[in-house]
Structure formats: structure tokens, C-alpha cells
Amino acid sequence: MPWGHDLGVSKVEDVTTLAQTEGVRLDQDRLGALYRQLGEANAEDVICRAVEELAVRLAHCERLWRDGDWDNLRKCVRSLVAISDQVGMAKLSRVAGDVSDAIDTQDGVAAAATLTRLIRVGERSLTAVWDLQDLSI
């Protein structure tokens, strides 16, 4: 049968699902410097506040995206760069910068893709910090 004659039939078994996994690593040198500068209690306080703020801002970025608020989305993403740098989340910082770049070039497709990646990397980064708190630096 020539292509196009039976458009109502789809073959679900031919669909490939891509696993969206990528590892995150915390910058141990950055975290170690933070602990040396501030002491254990103060460093843990800074890290806990940063993690909370990152979680809030990641959720806020999603809302801003849905609302089409490009200017505030860019501001929110730029704040993620600064906060994640402070606590050694280099990948999160880099991906947030990529989202900002996509917004600056007004590339909606790239912004959507990199924002989705930002959320994924952000969630994994936050989990890595919480897991790290069970270990000594």
C-alpha cells in the first residue's frame, strides 16, 4: 500500500523514548572554600538558604515561562546563575546561562529546551546537595 492511504493507523511500537539523564557534580573545591571561610554552621546555613532559594526560583521560572513574561524570566534565570555559582553548582549555573542566552536571542524553541533542561538539572543539583549533607566535606 502506498504511503498516505491509511493515515489512521499508527505504530506505537516504533516510538522511541529518550531517557533524559545527565549527572550533576558539586564543586567540592567551592564548597570546601565556603566551609573554610564561614565555618561549618554558617556554611551550612548559606547552603540551606541557597537550596531553598534555588527551589523557589526554579518554580518561579516555570511560571514566568507559562505566562510568557520574558523580561522577568531572564532576571530570574540570571539570579539562578549567581546563587548556583555561590554553592558550587557549576552545571546549573551554566545551563541557566544558556537559558538567558536563548532569551537574549529571542529563540523561543531554544529557550523552551534549555529551560526544560534547567529544571531537570536543578532538581538533580538540589538532590545532590541534600545527599551531600549526610557526608562530610
Protein backbone atom coordinates (compact mmCIF):
# COMPACT_ATOMS: atom_id res chain seq x y z
CA MET A 1 0.00 0.00 0.00
CA PRO A 2 1.47 3.39 -0.95
CA TRP A 3 2.26 5.82 1.82
CA GLY A 4 -0.63 8.07 2.79
CA HIS A 5 -3.50 5.71 2.02
CA ASP A 6 -4.05 4.56 5.59
CA LEU A 7 -3.36 7.64 7.68
CA GLY A 8 -5.49 6.43 10.60
CA VAL A 9 -3.02 3.69 11.53
CA SER A 10 -0.12 4.47 13.80
CA LYS A 11 2.59 2.17 15.01
CA VAL A 12 3.25 2.93 18.66
CA GLU A 13 5.95 0.28 18.83
CA ASP A 14 8.10 2.46 16.55
CA VAL A 15 8.18 5.36 19.03
CA THR A 16 11.47 5.79 20.84
CA THR A 17 11.55 7.43 24.23
CA LEU A 18 14.78 9.19 25.08
CA ALA A 19 15.96 8.92 28.66
CA GLN A 20 16.78 12.39 29.93
CA THR A 21 19.60 11.65 32.33
CA GLU A 22 22.71 13.61 32.99
CA GLY A 23 24.85 13.61 36.05
CA VAL A 24 25.50 16.60 38.21
CA ARG A 25 28.54 17.17 40.34
CA LEU A 26 29.01 19.71 43.04
CA ASP A 27 32.23 21.68 43.00
CA GLN A 28 33.92 20.26 46.09
CA ASP A 29 36.61 22.95 45.99
CA ARG A 30 33.99 25.70 46.03
CA LEU A 31 32.10 24.06 48.88
CA GLY A 32 35.32 23.46 50.82
CA ALA A 33 36.27 27.13 50.43
CA LEU A 34 32.82 28.14 51.66
CA TYR A 35 33.23 25.98 54.78
CA ARG A 36 36.74 27.33 55.43
CA GLN A 37 35.60 30.96 55.01
CA LEU A 38 32.41 30.77 57.02
CA GLY A 39 32.85 27.84 59.38
CA GLU A 40 30.66 24.77 59.39
CA ALA A 41 27.48 26.23 60.89
CA ASN A 42 27.48 29.39 58.76
CA ALA A 43 28.36 27.49 55.57
CA GLU A 44 25.53 25.04 56.15
CA ASP A 45 23.18 27.96 56.74
CA VAL A 46 24.25 29.62 53.48
CA ILE A 47 23.88 26.33 51.58
CA CYS A 48 20.44 25.61 53.06
CA ARG A 49 19.20 29.11 52.23
CA ALA A 50 20.65 28.83 48.71
CA VAL A 51 18.95 25.47 48.14
CA GLU A 52 15.62 26.87 49.31
CA GLU A 53 16.00 29.94 47.13
CA LEU A 54 17.00 27.86 44.10
CA ALA A 55 13.93 25.65 44.51
CA VAL A 56 11.64 28.68 44.74
CA ARG A 57 13.24 30.38 41.75
CA LEU A 58 13.16 27.25 39.59
CA ALA A 59 9.41 27.00 40.19
CA HIS A 60 9.07 30.74 39.53
CA CYS A 61 10.92 30.35 36.21
CA GLU A 62 8.37 27.75 35.11
CA ARG A 63 5.50 30.11 35.97
CA LEU A 64 7.13 33.00 34.14
CA TRP A 65 7.64 30.79 31.08
CA ARG A 66 3.98 29.75 31.06
CA ASP A 67 2.97 33.41 31.41
CA GLY A 68 5.29 34.47 28.58
CA ASP A 69 6.99 37.01 30.86
CA TRP A 70 10.37 37.03 29.08
CA ASP A 71 11.89 40.00 30.94
CA ASN A 72 11.23 38.59 34.39
CA LEU A 73 12.16 35.10 33.26
CA ARG A 74 15.55 36.40 32.20
CA LYS A 75 16.02 38.15 35.57
CA CYS A 76 15.02 35.02 37.45
CA VAL A 77 17.36 32.83 35.40
CA ARG A 78 20.26 35.27 35.90
CA SER A 79 19.69 35.09 39.66
CA LEU A 80 19.99 31.30 39.41
CA VAL A 81 23.43 31.76 37.86
CA ALA A 82 24.67 33.80 40.82
CA ILE A 83 23.17 31.59 43.52
CA SER A 84 24.29 28.31 41.98
CA ASP A 85 27.83 29.66 41.49
CA GLN A 86 27.98 30.57 45.16
CA VAL A 87 27.34 26.98 46.29
CA GLY A 88 29.33 25.09 43.68
CA MET A 89 26.60 24.06 41.23
CA ALA A 90 28.57 24.75 38.06
CA LYS A 91 26.32 22.80 35.69
CA LEU A 92 23.19 24.52 36.98
CA SER A 93 24.88 27.88 36.55
CA ARG A 94 25.98 27.04 33.00
CA VAL A 95 22.52 25.82 31.94
CA ALA A 96 20.86 28.89 33.47
CA GLY A 97 23.26 30.99 31.41
CA ASP A 98 22.20 29.04 28.31
CA VAL A 99 18.55 29.87 29.03
CA SER A 100 19.46 33.53 29.42
CA ASP A 101 21.34 33.45 26.10
CA ALA A 102 18.33 31.88 24.34
CA ILE A 103 16.07 34.57 25.76
CA ASP A 104 18.50 37.29 24.66
CA THR A 105 18.46 35.96 21.09
CA GLN A 106 14.66 35.63 21.22
CA ASP A 107 14.89 31.94 20.31
CA GLY A 108 11.72 30.51 21.84
CA VAL A 109 12.48 26.92 20.87
CA ALA A 110 15.95 27.06 22.40
CA ALA A 111 14.58 28.80 25.48
CA ALA A 112 11.97 26.08 25.96
CA ALA A 113 14.52 23.30 25.52
CA THR A 114 17.13 24.84 27.79
CA LEU A 115 14.54 25.78 30.41
CA THR A 116 13.38 22.17 30.49
CA ARG A 117 16.99 21.10 30.92
CA LEU A 118 17.46 23.75 33.63
CA ILE A 119 14.56 22.34 35.64
CA ARG A 120 15.93 18.80 35.27
CA VAL A 121 19.50 19.79 36.23
CA GLY A 122 18.17 22.00 39.02
CA GLU A 123 16.21 19.16 40.60
CA ARG A 124 19.22 16.84 40.42
CA SER A 125 21.53 19.52 41.81
CA LEU A 126 19.25 20.17 44.76
CA THR A 127 19.08 16.45 45.46
CA ALA A 128 22.88 16.23 45.29
CA VAL A 129 23.21 18.95 47.93
CA TRP A 130 20.77 17.23 50.27
CA ASP A 131 22.59 13.92 49.75
CA LEU A 132 25.90 15.65 50.46
CA GLN A 133 24.68 16.86 53.83
CA ASP A 134 24.82 13.25 55.01
CA LEU A 135 28.56 13.20 54.21
CA SER A 136 31.39 15.32 55.49
CA ILE A 137 33.07 17.69 53.09
